[in-house]
Amino acid sequence: MDPVWGPDGKEIFYRSGTKMMAVAVSTQPSFQAGRPQLPWEGDYMFGPSSGCGIKGTTTTSYDVSPDGQRFPMTRENDQKMYATKIVVVLNRVEELKRKMADAGGKKD
């Protein structure tokens, strides 16, 4: 679950339960994958569409730094520390038009 290409395109990272896995790959002359390696293991959050959701979508809960050495992730226990707030704005363009009209068309 949660596959992410490494920044150089020569490695794929993915999750297998609590294990973070890494596989060296080559795409020339054809796709070949090496033996999966286990860089580390831990209780980290999974992305919202890790194991289900709309086909073709991928939303992981981590990323790989440009140098391929760091992985920003959220530990499973850390999510309890933060409250999630979602704000949905509808008709934003209409609201801006109304505010511009109320201000006499003046631009700040």
C-alpha atoms as a PDB file:
ATOM      1  CA  MET A   1       0.000   0.000   0.000  1.00  0.00           C
ATOM      2  CA  ASP A   2       0.978   3.669  -0.314  1.00  0.00           C
ATOM      3  CA  PRO A   3       3.510   3.346  -3.176  1.00  0.00           C
ATOM      4  CA  VAL A   4       5.799   6.327  -3.847  1.00  0.00           C
ATOM      5  CA  TRP A   5       8.565   6.599  -6.425  1.00  0.00           C
ATOM      6  CA  GLY A   6      11.978   7.652  -5.147  1.00  0.00           C
ATOM      7  CA  PRO A   7      13.169  11.036  -6.433  1.00  0.00           C
ATOM      8  CA  ASP A   8      15.652   9.502  -8.880  1.00  0.00           C
ATOM      9  CA  GLY A   9      13.090   7.067 -10.340  1.00  0.00           C
ATOM     10  CA  LYS A  10      15.280   4.093  -9.432  1.00  0.00           C
ATOM     11  CA  GLU A  11      13.431   3.003  -6.314  1.00  0.00           C
ATOM     12  CA  ILE A  12       9.839   2.445  -5.207  1.00  0.00           C
ATOM     13  CA  PHE A  13       8.814   2.738  -1.561  1.00  0.00           C
ATOM     14  CA  TYR A  14       5.648   1.144  -0.222  1.00  0.00           C
ATOM     15  CA  ARG A  15       3.970   0.082   3.008  1.00  0.00           C
ATOM     16  CA  SER A  16       3.362  -3.511   4.074  1.00  0.00           C
ATOM     17  CA  GLY A  17       1.509  -3.367   7.373  1.00  0.00           C
ATOM     18  CA  THR A  18       3.873  -1.595   9.782  1.00  0.00           C
ATOM     19  CA  LYS A  19       6.865  -2.163   7.486  1.00  0.00           C
ATOM     20  CA  MET A  20       8.270   0.461   5.129  1.00  0.00           C
ATOM     21  CA  MET A  21       9.630  -1.357   2.112  1.00  0.00           C
ATOM     22  CA  ALA A  22      12.035  -0.241  -0.624  1.00  0.00           C
ATOM     23  CA  VAL A  23      12.615  -1.919  -3.984  1.00  0.00           C
ATOM     24  CA  ALA A  24      15.279  -0.961  -6.505  1.00  0.00           C
ATOM     25  CA  VAL A  25      13.865  -0.831 -10.030  1.00  0.00           C
ATOM     26  CA  SER A  26      15.112  -0.311 -13.547  1.00  0.00           C
ATOM     27  CA  THR A  27      12.913   0.496 -16.513  1.00  0.00           C
ATOM     28  CA  GLN A  28      15.415   0.015 -19.341  1.00  0.00           C
ATOM     29  CA  PRO A  29      15.410  -2.073 -21.461  1.00  0.00           C
ATOM     30  CA  SER A  30      12.358  -3.438 -19.603  1.00  0.00           C
ATOM     31  CA  PHE A  31      10.929  -3.109 -16.115  1.00  0.00           C
ATOM     32  CA  GLN A  32      12.799  -5.130 -13.503  1.00  0.00           C
ATOM     33  CA  ALA A  33      12.395  -5.015  -9.732  1.00  0.00           C
ATOM     34  CA  GLY A  34      14.971  -6.047  -7.170  1.00  0.00           C
ATOM     35  CA  ARG A  35      14.387  -7.824  -3.898  1.00  0.00           C
ATOM     36  CA  PRO A  36      12.318  -5.774  -1.396  1.00  0.00           C
ATOM     37  CA  GLN A  37      14.327  -4.340   1.499  1.00  0.00           C
ATOM     38  CA  LEU A  38      13.046  -3.329   4.944  1.00  0.00           C
ATOM     39  CA  PRO A  39      14.526   0.098   5.851  1.00  0.00           C
ATOM     40  CA  TRP A  40      12.419   0.362   9.047  1.00  0.00           C
ATOM     41  CA  GLU A  41       9.216  -0.597  10.769  1.00  0.00           C
ATOM     42  CA  GLY A  42       6.796   1.454  12.854  1.00  0.00           C
ATOM     43  CA  ASP A  43       3.206   2.491  13.502  1.00  0.00           C
ATOM     44  CA  TYR A  44       2.621   5.243  10.952  1.00  0.00           C
ATOM     45  CA  MET A  45      -0.627   6.525   9.492  1.00  0.00           C
ATOM     46  CA  PHE A  46      -1.797   5.173   6.145  1.00  0.00           C
ATOM     47  CA  GLY A  47      -3.038   7.396   3.335  1.00  0.00           C
ATOM     48  CA  PRO A  48      -6.798   7.824   2.885  1.00  0.00           C
ATOM     49  CA  SER A  49      -6.886   5.675  -0.253  1.00  0.00           C
ATOM     50  CA  SER A  50      -4.208   3.161   0.676  1.00  0.00           C
ATOM     51  CA  GLY A  51      -6.316   0.066   0.477  1.00  0.00           C
ATOM     52  CA  CYS A  52      -9.574   1.305  -0.973  1.00  0.00           C
ATOM     53  CA  GLY A  53     -11.114   4.167  -2.815  1.00  0.00           C
ATOM     54  CA  ILE A  54     -11.438   5.227  -6.415  1.00  0.00           C
ATOM     55  CA  LYS A  55      -9.192   3.324  -8.804  1.00  0.00           C
ATOM     56  CA  GLY A  56      -6.344   5.440 -10.105  1.00  0.00           C
ATOM     57  CA  THR A  57      -6.205   7.735  -7.096  1.00  0.00           C
ATOM     58  CA  THR A  58      -3.344   7.622  -4.703  1.00  0.00           C
ATOM     59  CA  THR A  59      -3.060   9.606  -1.548  1.00  0.00           C
ATOM     60  CA  THR A  60      -0.221   8.532   0.642  1.00  0.00           C
ATOM     61  CA  SER A  61       0.453   9.633   4.184  1.00  0.00           C
ATOM     62  CA  TYR A  62       4.151  10.260   3.560  1.00  0.00           C
ATOM     63  CA  ASP A  63       6.594  11.522   0.962  1.00  0.00           C
ATOM     64  CA  VAL A  64      10.262  11.117   0.123  1.00  0.00           C
ATOM     65  CA  SER A  65      12.649  14.065   0.361  1.00  0.00           C
ATOM     66  CA  PRO A  66      14.422  15.171  -2.856  1.00  0.00           C
ATOM     67  CA  ASP A  67      17.655  13.508  -1.684  1.00  0.00           C
ATOM     68  CA  GLY A  68      15.792  10.256  -0.930  1.00  0.00           C
ATOM     69  CA  GLN A  69      17.071  10.167   2.653  1.00  0.00           C
ATOM     70  CA  ARG A  70      14.136  11.515   4.676  1.00  0.00           C
ATOM     71  CA  PHE A  71      10.485  10.488   4.895  1.00  0.00           C
ATOM     72  CA  PRO A  72       8.040  12.933   6.476  1.00  0.00           C
ATOM     73  CA  MET A  73       5.437  10.712   8.156  1.00  0.00           C
ATOM     74  CA  THR A  74       2.914  10.885  10.984  1.00  0.00           C
ATOM     75  CA  ARG A  75       3.052   8.275  13.696  1.00  0.00           C
ATOM     76  CA  GLU A  76      -0.246   6.531  14.397  1.00  0.00           C
ATOM     77  CA  ASN A  77      -0.319   7.881  17.994  1.00  0.00           C
ATOM     78  CA  ASP A  78       0.464  11.455  16.857  1.00  0.00           C
ATOM     79  CA  GLN A  79      -2.906  11.866  15.147  1.00  0.00           C
ATOM     80  CA  LYS A  80      -4.655  11.897  18.523  1.00  0.00           C
ATOM     81  CA  MET A  81      -2.766  15.080  19.413  1.00  0.00           C
ATOM     82  CA  TYR A  82      -4.309  17.122  16.612  1.00  0.00           C
ATOM     83  CA  ALA A  83      -7.896  17.993  15.867  1.00  0.00           C
ATOM     84  CA  THR A  84      -8.823  18.022  12.214  1.00  0.00           C
ATOM     85  CA  LYS A  85     -10.829  20.929  10.911  1.00  0.00           C
ATOM     86  CA  ILE A  86     -12.120  21.040   7.353  1.00  0.00           C
ATOM     87  CA  VAL A  87     -13.437  24.287   5.900  1.00  0.00           C
ATOM     88  CA  VAL A  88     -15.539  24.125   2.734  1.00  0.00           C
ATOM     89  CA  VAL A  89     -16.003  27.391   0.853  1.00  0.00           C
ATOM     90  CA  LEU A  90     -18.889  27.502  -1.607  1.00  0.00           C
ATOM     91  CA  ASN A  91     -19.492  30.216  -4.188  1.00  0.00           C
ATOM     92  CA  ARG A  92     -16.205  31.969  -3.424  1.00  0.00           C
ATOM     93  CA  VAL A  93     -16.255  33.888  -6.724  1.00  0.00           C
ATOM     94  CA  GLU A  94     -19.766  35.199  -6.023  1.00  0.00           C
ATOM     95  CA  GLU A  95     -18.689  36.251  -2.546  1.00  0.00           C
ATOM     96  CA  LEU A  96     -15.740  38.199  -3.975  1.00  0.00           C
ATOM     97  CA  LYS A  97     -17.966  39.901  -6.557  1.00  0.00           C
ATOM     98  CA  ARG A  98     -20.374  40.947  -3.797  1.00  0.00           C
ATOM     99  CA  LYS A  99     -17.538  42.309  -1.652  1.00  0.00           C
ATOM    100  CA  MET A 100     -16.181  44.275  -4.602  1.00  0.00           C
ATOM    101  CA  ALA A 101     -19.631  45.730  -5.265  1.00  0.00           C
ATOM    102  CA  ASP A 102     -20.036  46.636  -1.585  1.00  0.00           C
ATOM    103  CA  ALA A 103     -16.661  48.401  -1.656  1.00  0.00           C
ATOM    104  CA  GLY A 104     -17.752  50.462  -4.666  1.00  0.00           C
ATOM    105  CA  GLY A 105     -15.528  48.547  -7.020  1.00  0.00           C
ATOM    106  CA  LYS A 106     -12.390  49.825  -5.291  1.00  0.00           C
ATOM    107  CA  LYS A 107      -9.371  47.544  -5.476  1.00  0.00           C
ATOM    108  CA  ASP A 108      -6.993  47.424  -2.526  1.00  0.00           C
END
